[in-house]
């Protein structure tokens, strides 16, 4: 094992970078890096790709977390060792309420812990909640960008196809019943990393928030509403950059 670099994400332990943007997709790292000054490639290993740069005078690291809670938790654990104290997940989701159309943004204040990773950090009674300061900064960013967004609870899961094809799973009865419960409780969207990141961040004393881009809405499709799926995450990225500007006190012009 390399004593100078983190085992999984591969970056040096002495970076001293306090702000991180966490996309799931490694392919989104370079897109986010376009918003940084002096972007510099740091490392790539497995699902973890890292680039560093500046927002104003504040150094920021962008690290992909891959799919799901286990790899997201590993990324945040190792970034904490490298000095990160504030993290913003920039991800995608599937909306669950009919009022949300593809392309809308969602800022989670909390996440349903329907995944396994967070259970190895905190008792199930403990909520997976976002940091208030980061959440407010993300809301302010969306207001500045004048875009449609929602705040509330999202669901984090471990099985993508358990959501999209629950009827073929042996535990279909549990998946379908809980999906209906989440909808009745006003849960906004479903994704796969937020609950783990919120719980792990509390364990590490890191401020963590999240902004999600709604790719589609299967409930609107069930209701016969015709929407085009939306895959451009650019506005969510801008919101995260603006939020870091506010949190760090930078001038984001």
Protein backbone atom coordinates (compact mmCIF):
# COMPACT_ATOMS: atom_id res chain seq x y z
CA UNK A 1 0.00 0.00 0.00
CA UNK A 2 1.26 3.47 -0.93
CA UNK A 3 1.63 5.44 2.30
CA UNK A 4 1.52 8.79 0.47
CA UNK A 5 -1.71 8.20 -1.46
CA UNK A 6 -5.18 7.08 -0.50
CA UNK A 7 -5.76 3.43 -1.33
CA UNK A 8 -8.92 3.78 -3.43
CA UNK A 9 -9.13 7.33 -4.80
CA UNK A 10 -5.37 7.48 -5.36
CA UNK A 11 -4.75 11.12 -4.42
CA UNK A 12 -2.04 12.35 -2.08
CA UNK A 13 -2.97 12.64 1.57
CA UNK A 14 -1.55 16.13 1.99
CA UNK A 15 -3.71 18.02 -0.53
CA UNK A 16 -5.26 20.25 2.15
CA UNK A 17 -8.29 20.91 -0.09
CA UNK A 18 -11.37 21.68 2.03
CA UNK A 19 -14.13 21.73 -0.63
CA UNK A 20 -15.26 18.80 -2.78
CA UNK A 21 -17.82 18.32 -5.54
CA UNK A 22 -18.94 14.70 -5.83
CA UNK A 23 -20.55 13.49 -9.06
CA UNK A 24 -21.35 9.82 -9.36
CA UNK A 25 -20.26 9.45 -12.97
CA UNK A 26 -16.49 9.66 -13.66
CA UNK A 27 -17.40 11.11 -17.04
CA UNK A 28 -18.95 14.12 -15.35
CA UNK A 29 -15.69 15.10 -13.60
CA UNK A 30 -14.17 16.79 -16.63
CA UNK A 31 -17.44 18.61 -17.32
CA UNK A 32 -17.37 20.05 -13.81
CA UNK A 33 -13.67 20.87 -14.20
CA UNK A 34 -14.60 23.27 -17.00
CA UNK A 35 -15.99 25.58 -14.30
CA UNK A 36 -12.70 25.58 -12.37
CA UNK A 37 -9.66 27.75 -12.89
CA UNK A 38 -6.40 25.89 -13.52
CA UNK A 39 -7.95 22.40 -13.51
CA UNK A 40 -5.38 19.70 -12.83
CA UNK A 41 -5.82 15.95 -13.10
CA UNK A 42 -4.96 14.21 -9.83
CA UNK A 43 -5.71 10.51 -10.10
CA UNK A 44 -7.99 7.82 -11.51
CA UNK A 45 -8.61 4.39 -10.04
CA UNK A 46 -11.65 2.16 -10.48
CA UNK A 47 -14.73 4.45 -10.38
CA UNK A 48 -12.81 7.28 -8.74
CA UNK A 49 -11.54 10.09 -10.98
CA UNK A 50 -10.23 13.27 -9.34
CA UNK A 51 -9.44 16.74 -10.67
CA UNK A 52 -8.50 19.82 -8.64
CA UNK A 53 -8.85 23.49 -9.48
CA UNK A 54 -9.96 26.84 -8.15
CA UNK A 55 -13.26 28.62 -7.67
CA UNK A 56 -12.00 32.15 -7.12
CA UNK A 57 -9.09 31.63 -4.74
CA UNK A 58 -10.62 28.56 -3.14
CA UNK A 59 -9.12 25.24 -4.13
CA UNK A 60 -11.70 22.55 -4.91
CA UNK A 61 -11.45 18.86 -5.68
CA UNK A 62 -13.90 17.03 -7.93
CA UNK A 63 -14.05 13.28 -7.26
CA UNK A 64 -16.46 10.80 -8.80
CA UNK A 65 -18.03 8.33 -6.37
CA UNK A 66 -19.33 5.66 -8.74
CA UNK A 67 -22.70 3.98 -8.29
CA UNK A 68 -24.16 3.36 -4.86
CA UNK A 69 -23.42 3.87 -1.21
CA UNK A 70 -20.32 1.73 -0.63
CA UNK A 71 -18.11 3.53 -3.15
CA UNK A 72 -19.55 6.93 -2.20
CA UNK A 73 -18.70 6.28 1.45
CA UNK A 74 -15.16 5.21 0.55
CA UNK A 75 -14.64 8.37 -1.49
CA UNK A 76 -15.83 10.63 1.32
CA UNK A 77 -13.84 8.76 3.96
CA UNK A 78 -10.62 9.15 1.98
CA UNK A 79 -11.31 12.76 1.00
CA UNK A 80 -11.75 13.56 4.68
CA UNK A 81 -8.26 12.22 5.35
CA UNK A 82 -7.01 14.54 2.60
CA UNK A 83 -8.54 17.57 4.28
CA UNK A 84 -12.06 17.94 2.84
CA UNK A 85 -14.50 19.61 5.24
CA UNK A 86 -17.40 20.51 2.89
CA UNK A 87 -18.82 18.28 0.14
CA UNK A 88 -21.61 18.71 -2.38
CA UNK A 89 -23.01 15.77 -4.30
CA UNK A 90 -24.05 16.66 -7.86
CA UNK A 91 -26.10 13.75 -9.08
CA UNK A 92 -29.10 12.52 -11.02
CA UNK A 93 -32.37 10.97 -9.93
CA UNK A 94 -35.75 9.76 -11.02
CA UNK A 95 -38.60 11.96 -9.81
CA UNK A 96 -41.51 10.40 -7.89
CA UNK A 97 -44.08 13.20 -7.63
CA UNK A 98 -46.11 14.18 -10.69
CA UNK A 99 -45.38 17.88 -10.19
CA UNK A 100 -41.69 17.35 -10.97
CA UNK A 101 -40.77 17.32 -14.66
CA UNK A 102 -37.52 16.09 -16.21
CA UNK A 103 -34.88 18.79 -15.95
CA UNK A 104 -36.07 20.12 -12.60
CA UNK A 105 -33.57 20.23 -9.76
CA UNK A 106 -34.01 18.71 -6.31
CA UNK A 107 -32.17 19.77 -3.17
CA UNK A 108 -32.58 17.02 -0.57
CA UNK A 109 -32.90 18.03 3.07
CA UNK A 110 -32.85 14.36 4.05
CA UNK A 111 -32.84 10.88 2.50
CA UNK A 112 -34.71 7.66 3.19
CA UNK A 113 -32.10 5.12 4.25
CA UNK A 114 -33.29 2.27 2.04
CA UNK A 115 -29.70 1.17 1.38
CA UNK A 116 -27.15 -0.80 3.32
CA UNK A 117 -24.09 1.41 3.70
CA UNK A 118 -25.46 3.87 6.24
CA UNK A 119 -26.51 1.00 8.52
CA UNK A 120 -22.83 0.28 9.12
CA UNK A 121 -22.34 3.85 10.35
CA UNK A 122 -25.42 4.72 12.39
CA UNK A 123 -28.49 3.04 13.93
CA UNK A 124 -31.44 3.03 11.55
CA UNK A 125 -33.28 5.49 13.81
CA UNK A 126 -30.69 8.17 13.00
CA UNK A 127 -31.77 10.43 10.11
CA UNK A 128 -29.71 10.95 6.97
CA UNK A 129 -29.88 14.74 6.92
CA UNK A 130 -28.15 17.44 4.88
CA UNK A 131 -26.08 20.23 6.39
CA UNK A 132 -28.24 23.36 6.73
CA UNK A 133 -25.63 25.87 5.54
CA UNK A 134 -24.86 23.88 2.40
CA UNK A 135 -28.56 23.40 1.69
CA UNK A 136 -29.27 27.12 2.01
CA UNK A 137 -26.33 27.93 -0.27
CA UNK A 138 -27.71 25.52 -2.89
CA UNK A 139 -31.16 27.11 -2.62
CA UNK A 140 -29.64 30.56 -3.05
CA UNK A 141 -27.74 29.32 -6.09
CA UNK A 142 -30.93 27.98 -7.70
CA UNK A 143 -32.71 31.25 -7.01
CA UNK A 144 -29.85 33.16 -8.60
CA UNK A 145 -29.98 30.88 -11.64
CA UNK A 146 -33.79 31.29 -11.76
CA UNK A 147 -34.41 27.58 -12.28
CA UNK A 148 -37.19 25.26 -11.15
CA UNK A 149 -36.24 23.30 -8.04
CA UNK A 150 -37.77 21.45 -5.10
CA UNK A 151 -36.55 20.81 -1.57
CA UNK A 152 -37.55 17.83 0.52
CA UNK A 153 -36.82 14.16 1.14
CA UNK A 154 -35.41 11.72 -1.42
CA UNK A 155 -35.13 7.94 -1.34
CA UNK A 156 -31.74 6.21 -1.53
CA UNK A 157 -31.73 2.59 -2.64
CA UNK A 158 -29.26 -0.11 -3.58
CA UNK A 159 -30.99 -1.66 -6.61
CA UNK A 160 -31.66 0.37 -9.77
CA UNK A 161 -33.68 -2.46 -11.33
CA UNK A 162 -35.49 -3.09 -8.07
CA UNK A 163 -37.09 0.28 -8.70
CA UNK A 164 -37.62 0.00 -12.44
CA UNK A 165 -38.65 -3.68 -12.58
CA UNK A 166 -39.91 -4.48 -9.07
CA UNK A 167 -42.47 -6.99 -10.34
CA UNK A 168 -39.75 -9.50 -11.32
CA UNK A 169 -38.02 -9.45 -7.94
CA UNK A 170 -38.84 -12.13 -5.35
CA UNK A 171 -39.46 -9.32 -2.83
CA UNK A 172 -41.70 -7.37 -5.23
CA UNK A 173 -44.36 -7.00 -2.53
CA UNK A 174 -41.97 -5.09 -0.27
CA UNK A 175 -40.52 -2.92 -3.03
CA UNK A 176 -43.92 -1.92 -4.41
CA UNK A 177 -45.48 -1.30 -1.00
CA UNK A 178 -42.62 0.88 0.17
CA UNK A 179 -42.61 2.82 -3.11
CA UNK A 180 -46.25 3.68 -2.53
CA UNK A 181 -45.46 4.67 1.06
CA UNK A 182 -42.67 7.00 -0.05
CA UNK A 183 -44.97 8.63 -2.60
CA UNK A 184 -47.67 9.19 0.03
CA UNK A 185 -45.05 10.73 2.31
CA UNK A 186 -44.13 13.22 -0.39
CA UNK A 187 -40.71 11.79 -1.18
CA UNK A 188 -39.50 13.71 -4.23
CA UNK A 189 -37.16 11.36 -6.04
CA UNK A 190 -35.19 8.14 -5.99
CA UNK A 191 -31.39 7.81 -6.30
CA UNK A 192 -28.53 5.75 -4.84
CA UNK A 193 -25.91 7.73 -2.91
CA UNK A 194 -27.35 10.56 -0.83
CA UNK A 195 -28.31 8.67 2.34
CA UNK A 196 -24.84 7.17 2.60
CA UNK A 197 -23.10 10.51 2.05
CA UNK A 198 -25.30 12.35 4.54
CA UNK A 199 -24.77 9.68 7.21
CA UNK A 200 -21.03 9.28 6.65
CA UNK A 201 -20.55 13.05 6.63
CA UNK A 202 -22.11 13.28 10.10
CA UNK A 203 -19.73 10.57 11.29
CA UNK A 204 -16.76 12.51 9.90
CA UNK A 205 -18.00 15.97 10.95
CA UNK A 206 -18.11 17.14 7.34
CA UNK A 207 -20.69 19.56 5.95
CA UNK A 208 -22.53 17.76 3.16
CA UNK A 209 -25.30 18.81 0.81
CA UNK A 210 -26.69 17.57 -2.46
CA UNK A 211 -28.29 18.78 -5.66
CA UNK A 212 -29.93 16.36 -8.08
CA UNK A 213 -31.01 16.67 -11.70
CA UNK A 214 -34.26 14.83 -12.49
CA UNK A 215 -33.63 12.61 -15.51
CA UNK A 216 -37.19 11.36 -15.83
CA UNK A 217 -40.39 10.77 -13.90
CA UNK A 218 -41.92 7.30 -14.15
CA UNK A 219 -45.01 8.41 -12.24
CA UNK A 220 -45.79 11.03 -14.89
CA UNK A 221 -45.35 8.37 -17.56
CA UNK A 222 -47.76 6.07 -15.70
CA UNK A 223 -50.28 8.91 -15.65
CA UNK A 224 -50.00 9.30 -19.42
CA UNK A 225 -48.03 12.54 -19.29
CA UNK A 226 -45.51 12.76 -22.11
CA UNK A 227 -42.13 14.26 -21.24
CA UNK A 228 -38.73 14.09 -22.86
CA UNK A 229 -36.05 12.63 -20.60
CA UNK A 230 -33.43 15.20 -19.58
CA UNK A 231 -29.73 14.33 -19.36
CA UNK A 232 -27.98 17.73 -19.31
CA UNK A 233 -26.66 18.26 -15.76
CA UNK A 234 -25.09 21.64 -16.51
CA UNK A 235 -27.45 23.71 -14.33
CA UNK A 236 -26.96 21.44 -11.32
CA UNK A 237 -23.20 21.81 -11.74
CA UNK A 238 -23.49 25.60 -11.90
CA UNK A 239 -25.60 25.57 -8.73
CA UNK A 240 -22.93 23.59 -6.87
CA UNK A 241 -20.22 26.00 -8.04
CA UNK A 242 -22.28 29.02 -6.94
CA UNK A 243 -22.95 27.34 -3.59
CA UNK A 244 -19.24 26.84 -2.96
CA UNK A 245 -18.68 30.50 -3.85
CA UNK A 246 -21.15 31.49 -1.12
CA UNK A 247 -19.84 29.03 1.46
CA UNK A 248 -16.22 30.05 0.90
CA UNK A 249 -16.93 33.76 0.67
CA UNK A 250 -15.61 33.98 -2.87
CA UNK A 251 -16.69 36.39 -5.57
CA UNK A 252 -18.10 34.06 -8.21
CA UNK A 253 -17.93 36.35 -11.20
